[in-house]
Amino acid sequence: ASERAEVKQTVDGTTITVNYARPRLRGRADVFGTQVPWGEIWTPGANDATTLAVSKDVTIDGHQVAKGKYSVWIVMAPGDWIMVLDQDTPRFHMNGPKERPGQVRFKVRKETIPITEVLTWSFPDVRASRARLVMQWATTAVPLDVAVAPTQSIVVAPAVGRRVEGRYDLQFKPPPPPKDTSHVSEP
């Protein structure tokens, strides 16, 4: 059975949640192009379609994704894969959506990785206003750059910057060695 899993990350007040089931390789060398055939639309998970929920508007790989919940799909091909986010949830994993207005569609890049037995979604890198969301299974990873609108300014006003701008020369000076107290007798 493919156990249910959820991975959730908050980035600058925006919560990103992936809910999915985790299929296993179970001895299969590779699944893409065989178990997951080329030309089909596949949800990166099992049973019910994988879902992505965002509590505020975000961009994923530079594409606008409005606040809400989406079923997650990939159009499978030997070359480029296309990520599809569809607002129709819940969906069974064998009933991928047809192309239609309102979907978010974009090419994703694939990376070759050491074998991963169980399909996994994770946030291996989180920054002040962005995170890297990765789906990995078998020997393939699909990294997605999720960016949120920052709530704190990271730009320094020119007047503030002028107070600290300049060239600094830092030199490391080791501390002096401890005093030798071995010859001092105790009272």
Protein backbone atom coordinates (compact mmCIF):
# COMPACT_ATOMS: atom_id res chain seq x y z
CA ALA A 1 0.00 0.00 0.00
CA SER A 2 1.05 3.58 -0.62
CA GLU A 3 0.95 5.33 2.74
CA ARG A 4 -0.43 8.86 2.99
CA ALA A 5 1.99 11.66 3.71
CA GLU A 6 1.94 15.40 4.10
CA VAL A 7 4.78 17.88 3.96
CA LYS A 8 4.17 21.47 5.05
CA GLN A 9 6.45 24.48 5.11
CA THR A 10 5.79 28.08 6.11
CA VAL A 11 7.82 30.69 4.24
CA ASP A 12 7.44 34.29 5.44
CA GLY A 13 3.88 33.66 6.61
CA THR A 14 2.80 31.64 3.55
CA THR A 15 2.03 27.98 4.21
CA ILE A 16 2.73 25.50 1.41
CA THR A 17 1.27 22.01 1.87
CA VAL A 18 1.69 18.90 -0.28
CA ASN A 19 -0.60 15.96 0.52
CA TYR A 20 0.11 12.69 -1.30
CA ALA A 21 0.39 8.92 -1.15
CA ARG A 22 3.87 7.36 -1.37
CA PRO A 23 4.24 4.53 -3.90
CA ARG A 24 7.30 2.27 -3.65
CA LEU A 25 9.56 0.92 -6.40
CA ARG A 26 9.29 -2.65 -5.05
CA GLY A 27 12.22 -3.91 -7.09
CA ARG A 28 11.43 -2.06 -10.31
CA ALA A 29 14.58 -0.52 -11.77
CA ASP A 30 12.87 2.51 -13.23
CA VAL A 31 9.26 3.56 -13.52
CA PHE A 32 9.26 6.49 -15.93
CA GLY A 33 8.38 5.39 -19.45
CA THR A 34 7.21 1.95 -18.23
CA GLN A 35 5.00 1.96 -15.11
CA VAL A 36 4.35 5.65 -15.74
CA PRO A 37 3.98 5.64 -19.56
CA TRP A 38 5.12 8.45 -21.83
CA GLY A 39 2.27 10.54 -23.20
CA GLU A 40 0.05 10.18 -20.12
CA ILE A 41 -0.80 12.68 -17.41
CA TRP A 42 0.32 11.34 -14.02
CA THR A 43 -0.09 12.54 -10.47
CA PRO A 44 3.21 12.33 -8.56
CA GLY A 45 1.80 10.06 -5.89
CA ALA A 46 -0.83 7.32 -5.75
CA ASN A 47 -4.50 6.67 -4.93
CA ASP A 48 -6.05 10.15 -4.78
CA ALA A 49 -4.30 12.86 -6.79
CA THR A 50 -1.48 14.66 -5.01
CA THR A 51 -2.56 18.12 -3.85
CA LEU A 52 -0.70 21.38 -3.37
CA ALA A 53 -2.24 24.07 -1.18
CA VAL A 54 -0.88 27.59 -0.78
CA SER A 55 -2.26 29.99 1.84
CA LYS A 56 -1.28 33.08 -0.21
CA ASP A 57 -0.38 33.78 -3.84
CA VAL A 58 3.06 32.41 -4.81
CA THR A 59 5.16 31.87 -7.89
CA ILE A 60 6.45 28.42 -8.80
CA ASP A 61 9.38 28.44 -11.20
CA GLY A 62 8.33 31.99 -12.08
CA HIS A 63 4.66 31.12 -12.80
CA GLN A 64 1.87 32.78 -10.83
CA VAL A 65 -0.13 30.40 -8.61
CA ALA A 66 -3.08 31.97 -6.80
CA LYS A 67 -3.95 31.16 -3.20
CA GLY A 68 -5.88 27.88 -3.10
CA LYS A 69 -5.70 24.12 -3.44
CA TYR A 70 -4.69 22.29 -6.62
CA SER A 71 -4.39 18.72 -7.82
CA VAL A 72 -0.84 18.14 -9.10
CA TRP A 73 -0.12 16.40 -12.42
CA ILE A 74 2.80 15.87 -14.76
CA VAL A 75 2.46 15.31 -18.51
CA MET A 76 5.01 12.54 -19.04
CA ALA A 77 7.42 12.53 -22.00
CA PRO A 78 10.94 11.27 -22.73
CA GLY A 79 12.01 14.93 -23.03
CA ASP A 80 10.45 17.84 -21.18
CA TRP A 81 7.82 17.20 -18.55
CA ILE A 82 4.95 19.63 -18.05
CA MET A 83 3.67 20.38 -14.54
CA VAL A 84 -0.08 20.91 -14.36
CA LEU A 85 -1.85 22.47 -11.37
CA ASP A 86 -5.62 22.02 -11.64
CA GLN A 87 -8.21 23.48 -9.27
CA ASP A 88 -10.37 20.35 -9.48
CA THR A 89 -9.79 18.48 -6.20
CA PRO A 90 -10.18 15.79 -5.03
CA ARG A 91 -9.49 13.57 -8.02
CA PHE A 92 -8.66 9.88 -8.35
CA HIS A 93 -5.07 9.33 -9.56
CA MET A 94 -6.16 7.62 -12.80
CA ASN A 95 -8.44 10.53 -13.87
CA GLY A 96 -6.07 13.25 -14.97
CA PRO A 97 -7.60 16.53 -16.10
CA LYS A 98 -7.91 17.59 -19.72
CA GLU A 99 -6.19 20.81 -20.74
CA ARG A 100 -8.48 23.75 -20.00
CA PRO A 101 -8.45 27.43 -19.01
CA GLY A 102 -7.53 28.18 -15.41
CA GLN A 103 -4.82 25.53 -15.12
CA VAL A 104 -1.24 26.50 -14.34
CA ARG A 105 1.06 24.69 -16.82
CA PHE A 106 4.83 24.96 -17.14
CA LYS A 107 7.90 22.91 -18.09
CA VAL A 108 9.87 21.40 -15.23
CA ARG A 109 13.47 20.33 -15.20
CA LYS A 110 14.51 16.87 -14.12
CA GLU A 111 17.65 15.89 -12.27
CA THR A 112 19.23 12.46 -12.02
CA ILE A 113 19.71 11.38 -8.41
CA PRO A 114 20.65 8.22 -6.48
CA ILE A 115 17.75 5.81 -6.30
CA THR A 116 14.85 6.77 -4.02
CA GLU A 117 12.68 3.76 -3.11
CA VAL A 118 9.61 5.68 -1.90
CA LEU A 119 8.19 8.70 -3.74
CA THR A 120 9.04 11.72 -1.61
CA TRP A 121 8.12 15.39 -1.57
CA SER A 122 10.38 17.61 0.57
CA PHE A 123 11.59 21.15 1.25
CA PRO A 124 15.38 20.70 1.38
CA ASP A 125 16.14 24.44 1.14
CA VAL A 126 14.16 27.24 2.78
CA ARG A 127 15.13 30.92 2.61
CA ALA A 128 13.57 34.18 3.82
CA SER A 129 11.04 34.45 0.98
CA ARG A 130 11.50 31.27 -1.08
CA ALA A 131 11.82 27.53 -0.77
CA ARG A 132 12.87 24.65 -2.93
CA LEU A 133 10.16 21.99 -3.15
CA VAL A 134 11.38 18.67 -4.59
CA MET A 135 9.56 15.56 -5.78
CA GLN A 136 11.84 12.53 -6.09
CA TRP A 137 11.29 8.92 -7.03
CA ALA A 138 13.43 6.22 -8.62
CA THR A 139 16.42 8.10 -10.08
CA THR A 140 14.59 11.34 -10.92
CA ALA A 141 14.06 14.54 -8.97
CA VAL A 142 11.92 17.51 -10.00
CA PRO A 143 12.95 20.66 -8.11
CA LEU A 144 10.50 23.57 -7.95
CA ASP A 145 11.40 27.09 -6.82
CA VAL A 146 8.51 28.48 -4.74
CA ALA A 147 8.69 32.24 -4.08
CA VAL A 148 6.43 34.28 -1.80
CA ALA A 149 5.93 38.04 -1.53
CA PRO A 150 8.27 39.17 1.25
CA THR A 151 6.63 40.89 4.21
CA GLN A 152 9.87 42.45 5.42
CA SER A 153 11.95 44.80 3.31
CA ILE A 154 15.41 43.49 2.60
CA VAL A 155 16.44 46.72 0.87
CA VAL A 156 18.49 49.15 2.92
CA ALA A 157 17.69 52.85 2.53
CA PRO A 158 20.60 54.84 1.00
CA ALA A 159 20.97 56.99 4.15
CA VAL A 160 21.38 53.88 6.30
CA GLY A 161 23.73 52.23 3.84
CA ARG A 162 26.03 55.27 3.71
CA ARG A 163 26.62 54.98 7.46
CA VAL A 164 28.17 51.54 7.07
CA GLU A 165 29.48 51.50 3.51
CA GLY A 166 33.20 51.44 2.93
CA ARG A 167 36.12 49.08 2.97
CA TYR A 168 36.86 47.07 6.06
CA ASP A 169 40.14 45.34 6.79
CA LEU A 170 39.67 42.55 9.31
CA GLN A 171 42.62 40.78 10.81
CA PHE A 172 42.47 37.76 13.05
CA LYS A 173 44.72 38.02 16.09
CA PRO A 174 44.87 34.86 18.15
CA PRO A 175 44.39 35.33 21.89
CA PRO A 176 47.53 35.34 24.00
CA PRO A 177 48.55 31.97 25.41
CA PRO A 178 47.32 31.25 28.95
CA LYS A 179 49.68 32.24 31.73
CA ASP A 180 51.74 29.43 33.16
CA THR A 181 50.51 28.99 36.72
CA SER A 182 52.24 25.69 37.40
CA HIS A 183 55.00 27.30 39.52
CA VAL A 184 52.56 29.19 41.80
CA SER A 185 51.97 27.46 45.11
CA GLU A 186 48.60 27.48 46.78
CA PRO A 187 48.26 29.16 50.21
